[in-house]
């Protein structure tokens, strides 16, 4: 996988993760069932990387969760 493909995959994972969590949050606030069924998603969580780390060559596995980044909270919630 080339560098642009890795970056594109990671950006899409991040967008999906944010939409998934937004769906869950809104459903809790309005008292309605979630729109996105867990049975219909198998996307991996985003990598534990800061946004600026996606600019160069990066490891798609990310950092261990013991190293806090902006996305650490998104991953563990």
Protein backbone atom coordinates (compact mmCIF):
# COMPACT_ATOMS: atom_id res chain seq x y z
CA UNK A 1 0.00 0.00 0.00
CA UNK A 2 1.47 3.34 -0.93
CA UNK A 3 1.58 6.38 1.33
CA UNK A 4 -1.48 8.09 -0.19
CA UNK A 5 -3.57 4.92 0.16
CA UNK A 6 -2.60 4.52 3.83
CA UNK A 7 -3.54 8.13 4.52
CA UNK A 8 -6.86 7.82 2.68
CA UNK A 9 -7.79 4.64 4.58
CA UNK A 10 -6.97 6.28 7.91
CA UNK A 11 -8.97 9.42 7.12
CA UNK A 12 -11.96 7.29 6.14
CA UNK A 13 -11.66 5.28 9.38
CA UNK A 14 -11.60 8.50 11.37
CA UNK A 15 -14.63 9.91 9.57
CA UNK A 16 -16.59 6.67 10.05
CA UNK A 17 -15.65 6.49 13.74
CA UNK A 18 -16.86 10.05 14.33
CA UNK A 19 -20.14 9.40 12.47
CA UNK A 20 -20.69 6.16 14.42
CA UNK A 21 -20.14 7.88 17.78
CA UNK A 22 -22.28 10.86 16.75
CA UNK A 23 -25.10 8.46 15.84
CA UNK A 24 -24.82 6.80 19.26
CA UNK A 25 -24.74 10.12 21.10
CA UNK A 26 -27.75 11.57 19.27
CA UNK A 27 -29.76 8.39 19.78
CA UNK A 28 -29.11 8.59 23.52
CA UNK A 29 -30.05 12.27 23.67
CA UNK A 30 -33.35 11.89 21.82
CA UNK A 31 -34.26 8.48 23.23
CA UNK A 32 -34.41 6.71 19.89
CA UNK A 33 -32.59 3.60 18.66
CA UNK A 34 -29.28 4.06 16.89
CA UNK A 35 -29.43 4.25 13.09
CA UNK A 36 -26.21 2.29 12.55
CA UNK A 37 -26.49 -1.36 13.55
CA UNK A 38 -23.38 -2.96 15.01
CA UNK A 39 -24.11 -6.00 12.82
CA UNK A 40 -23.55 -3.88 9.72
CA UNK A 41 -20.13 -2.49 10.53
CA UNK A 42 -16.73 -4.17 10.75
CA UNK A 43 -14.47 -1.16 10.30
CA UNK A 44 -11.33 -1.13 12.43
CA UNK A 45 -10.80 1.70 14.90
CA UNK A 46 -8.65 4.64 13.78
CA UNK A 47 -4.94 4.51 14.56
CA UNK A 48 -3.69 6.17 17.73
CA UNK A 49 -1.96 8.98 15.83
CA UNK A 50 -2.20 12.75 15.86
CA UNK A 51 -3.43 14.38 12.64
CA UNK A 52 -0.02 15.86 11.80
CA UNK A 53 1.52 12.37 11.87
CA UNK A 54 -0.59 11.39 8.85
CA UNK A 55 1.35 13.78 6.61
CA UNK A 56 4.51 11.71 6.27
CA UNK A 57 5.18 7.99 6.16
CA UNK A 58 3.46 6.50 9.20
CA UNK A 59 2.78 3.12 10.74
CA UNK A 60 -0.93 2.31 10.21
CA UNK A 61 -0.92 0.43 13.53
CA UNK A 62 -0.34 3.73 15.35
CA UNK A 63 1.12 4.19 18.81
CA UNK A 64 0.25 2.03 21.79
CA UNK A 65 -2.63 3.41 23.87
CA UNK A 66 -0.14 4.12 26.65
CA UNK A 67 1.04 7.08 24.53
CA UNK A 68 -1.82 9.61 24.60
CA UNK A 69 -2.82 11.35 21.37
CA UNK A 70 -5.86 13.33 20.28
CA UNK A 71 -7.45 10.10 19.02
CA UNK A 72 -6.80 8.07 22.18
CA UNK A 73 -10.15 9.20 23.57
CA UNK A 74 -12.00 8.32 20.36
CA UNK A 75 -10.52 4.83 20.41
CA UNK A 76 -11.30 3.99 24.03
CA UNK A 77 -14.80 5.47 24.30
